[in-house]
C-alpha atoms as a PDB file:
ATOM      1  CA  MET A   1      -0.128  -0.083   0.126  1.00  0.00           C
ATOM      2  CA  ASN A   2       1.110   3.678  -0.666  1.00  0.00           C
ATOM      3  CA  LEU A   3       2.369   6.000   2.289  1.00  0.00           C
ATOM      4  CA  ASP A   4       1.655   8.747   0.455  1.00  0.00           C
ATOM      5  CA  SER A   5      -1.826   9.973   2.001  1.00  0.00           C
ATOM      6  CA  HIS A   6      -1.619  13.171  -0.055  1.00  0.00           C
ATOM      7  CA  PRO A   7      -3.998  13.186  -2.736  1.00  0.00           C
ATOM      8  CA  ASN A   8      -2.630  16.004  -4.885  1.00  0.00           C
ATOM      9  CA  THR A   9       0.655  13.651  -5.718  1.00  0.00           C
ATOM     10  CA  VAL A  10       1.396  14.286  -9.393  1.00  0.00           C
ATOM     11  CA  GLY A  11       1.646  10.744 -11.176  1.00  0.00           C
ATOM     12  CA  GLU A  12       0.573   8.530  -8.545  1.00  0.00           C
ATOM     13  CA  GLU A  13      -2.810   7.441  -9.310  1.00  0.00           C
ATOM     14  CA  TYR A  14      -3.608   5.806  -5.439  1.00  0.00           C
ATOM     15  CA  ALA A  15      -2.138   8.561  -3.481  1.00  0.00           C
ATOM     16  CA  GLY A  16      -4.720   9.659  -0.853  1.00  0.00           C
ATOM     17  CA  SER A  17      -6.234   6.571  -0.734  1.00  0.00           C
ATOM     18  CA  THR A  18      -6.724   4.988   2.553  1.00  0.00           C
ATOM     19  CA  PRO A  19      -5.800   1.122   3.334  1.00  0.00           C
ATOM     20  CA  GLU A  20      -9.592   0.197   2.904  1.00  0.00           C
ATOM     21  CA  GLU A  21      -9.888   1.786  -0.392  1.00  0.00           C
ATOM     22  CA  HIS A  22      -7.061   0.040  -1.739  1.00  0.00           C
ATOM     23  CA  LEU A  23      -8.452  -3.429  -0.891  1.00  0.00           C
ATOM     24  CA  GLU A  24     -11.769  -2.382  -2.264  1.00  0.00           C
ATOM     25  CA  LEU A  25      -9.789  -1.652  -5.174  1.00  0.00           C
ATOM     26  CA  PHE A  26      -7.759  -5.403  -5.089  1.00  0.00           C
ATOM     27  CA  ALA A  27     -11.433  -6.693  -4.409  1.00  0.00           C
ATOM     28  CA  HIS A  28     -13.267  -5.213  -7.238  1.00  0.00           C
ATOM     29  CA  TYR A  29     -10.216  -6.223  -9.901  1.00  0.00           C
ATOM     30  CA  ALA A  30      -9.312  -9.592  -8.284  1.00  0.00           C
ATOM     31  CA  PRO A  31     -12.461 -10.974  -6.684  1.00  0.00           C
ATOM     32  CA  ASP A  32     -11.371 -14.559  -6.857  1.00  0.00           C
ATOM     33  CA  VAL A  33      -8.084 -13.917  -4.957  1.00  0.00           C
ATOM     34  CA  ALA A  34      -7.943 -14.448  -1.418  1.00  0.00           C
ATOM     35  CA  ILE A  35      -5.719 -12.564   0.868  1.00  0.00           C
ATOM     36  CA  ASP A  36      -3.738 -13.932   4.031  1.00  0.00           C
ATOM     37  CA  TYR A  37      -2.335 -10.631   5.313  1.00  0.00           C
ATOM     38  CA  VAL A  38      -2.502  -6.965   4.736  1.00  0.00           C
ATOM     39  CA  LEU A  39       0.979  -5.432   5.661  1.00  0.00           C
ATOM     40  CA  VAL A  40       0.737  -1.600   6.315  1.00  0.00           C
ATOM     41  CA  ASP A  41       2.648   0.781   8.167  1.00  0.00           C
ATOM     42  CA  ASN A  42       0.762   1.817  11.345  1.00  0.00           C
ATOM     43  CA  SER A  43       1.104   5.423  10.460  1.00  0.00           C
ATOM     44  CA  VAL A  44      -1.842   4.981   7.434  1.00  0.00           C
ATOM     45  CA  VAL A  45      -4.107   3.216   9.867  1.00  0.00           C
ATOM     46  CA  ARG A  46      -6.603   5.715  10.585  1.00  0.00           C
ATOM     47  CA  ASN A  47      -9.604   3.126  11.408  1.00  0.00           C
ATOM     48  CA  GLU A  48      -8.171  -0.102  12.755  1.00  0.00           C
ATOM     49  CA  LYS A  49     -11.985  -1.718  12.908  1.00  0.00           C
ATOM     50  CA  SER A  50     -12.578  -0.637   9.493  1.00  0.00           C
ATOM     51  CA  LEU A  51      -9.322  -1.803   8.051  1.00  0.00           C
ATOM     52  CA  SER A  52      -9.438  -5.198  10.096  1.00  0.00           C
ATOM     53  CA  ALA A  53     -13.248  -5.842   8.613  1.00  0.00           C
ATOM     54  CA  MET A  54     -12.359  -5.274   5.206  1.00  0.00           C
ATOM     55  CA  ALA A  55      -8.997  -7.610   5.403  1.00  0.00           C
ATOM     56  CA  ALA A  56     -11.249 -10.136   7.283  1.00  0.00           C
ATOM     57  CA  SER A  57     -13.709 -10.084   4.492  1.00  0.00           C
ATOM     58  CA  LEU A  58     -11.085 -10.955   1.851  1.00  0.00           C
ATOM     59  CA  GLY A  59      -9.563 -13.599   4.104  1.00  0.00           C
ATOM     60  CA  GLY A  60      -7.076 -11.878   5.909  1.00  0.00           C
ATOM     61  CA  GLN A  61      -5.706 -10.007   8.702  1.00  0.00           C
ATOM     62  CA  VAL A  62      -3.695  -6.914   9.224  1.00  0.00           C
ATOM     63  CA  VAL A  63      -0.255  -6.574  10.348  1.00  0.00           C
ATOM     64  CA  ALA A  64       0.158  -3.143  11.089  1.00  0.00           C
ATOM     65  CA  VAL A  65       4.089  -1.895  11.829  1.00  0.00           C
ATOM     66  CA  ASP A  66       6.390   0.657  11.081  1.00  0.00           C
ATOM     67  CA  ILE A  67       7.928   0.061   7.972  1.00  0.00           C
ATOM     68  CA  ARG A  68       8.045   3.760   6.643  1.00  0.00           C
ATOM     69  CA  LYS A  69      11.467   4.699   5.608  1.00  0.00           C
ATOM     70  CA  ALA A  70      11.342   8.103   8.241  1.00  0.00           C
ATOM     71  CA  PRO A  71       8.592   9.977   9.586  1.00  0.00           C
ATOM     72  CA  GLY A  72       6.593  11.770   6.975  1.00  0.00           C
ATOM     73  CA  SER A  73       8.283   9.510   4.032  1.00  0.00           C
ATOM     74  CA  ILE A  74       6.576   7.913   1.479  1.00  0.00           C
ATOM     75  CA  HIS A  75       9.123   5.303   0.968  1.00  0.00           C
ATOM     76  CA  HIS A  76       9.234   2.241   2.632  1.00  0.00           C
ATOM     77  CA  ASP A  77      12.207   0.831   4.523  1.00  0.00           C
ATOM     78  CA  VAL A  78      13.499  -2.135   2.739  1.00  0.00           C
ATOM     79  CA  SER A  79      15.069  -3.671   5.629  1.00  0.00           C
ATOM     80  CA  GLN A  80      11.703  -3.344   7.696  1.00  0.00           C
ATOM     81  CA  LEU A  81       9.926  -4.428   5.195  1.00  0.00           C
ATOM     82  CA  ALA A  82      11.688  -7.639   4.583  1.00  0.00           C
ATOM     83  CA  LEU A  83      11.980  -8.453   7.995  1.00  0.00           C
ATOM     84  CA  HIS A  84       8.172  -8.145   8.245  1.00  0.00           C
ATOM     85  CA  LEU A  85       7.360  -9.987   5.234  1.00  0.00           C
ATOM     86  CA  GLY A  86       9.778 -12.522   6.528  1.00  0.00           C
ATOM     87  CA  HIS A  87       7.829 -13.012   9.694  1.00  0.00           C
ATOM     88  CA  ILE A  88       4.855 -13.329   7.697  1.00  0.00           C
ATOM     89  CA  MET A  89       6.008 -15.936   5.942  1.00  0.00           C
ATOM     90  CA  ARG A  90       7.918 -17.750   8.300  1.00  0.00           C
ATOM     91  CA  GLN A  91       4.344 -17.477  10.227  1.00  0.00           C
ATOM     92  CA  SER A  92       2.601 -18.849   7.078  1.00  0.00           C
ATOM     93  CA  LEU A  93       4.793 -21.531   6.507  1.00  0.00           C
ATOM     94  CA  VAL A  94       5.516 -23.039   9.748  1.00  0.00           C
ATOM     95  CA  GLY A  95       2.708 -21.826  11.725  1.00  0.00           C
END
């Protein structure tokens, strides 16, 4: 999901979208694809209950963690992203 919450960002079609709106688009364009996890930076979660409900409706659960490169940045921290994806994969594969 994008970290940019500013709707006026040039060239980014999903900038300004909430995580729920991202999931709605995903569900619309890939209705037969189930998800297991929604990895999202905790700074963009505005409504935890709404996001959890949307993720659950797609078969997934929310993992809200700090994956932003720096406060206010619109870029992911590659190391943090890899770390949390690794945790998710290990949990999925090992249980």
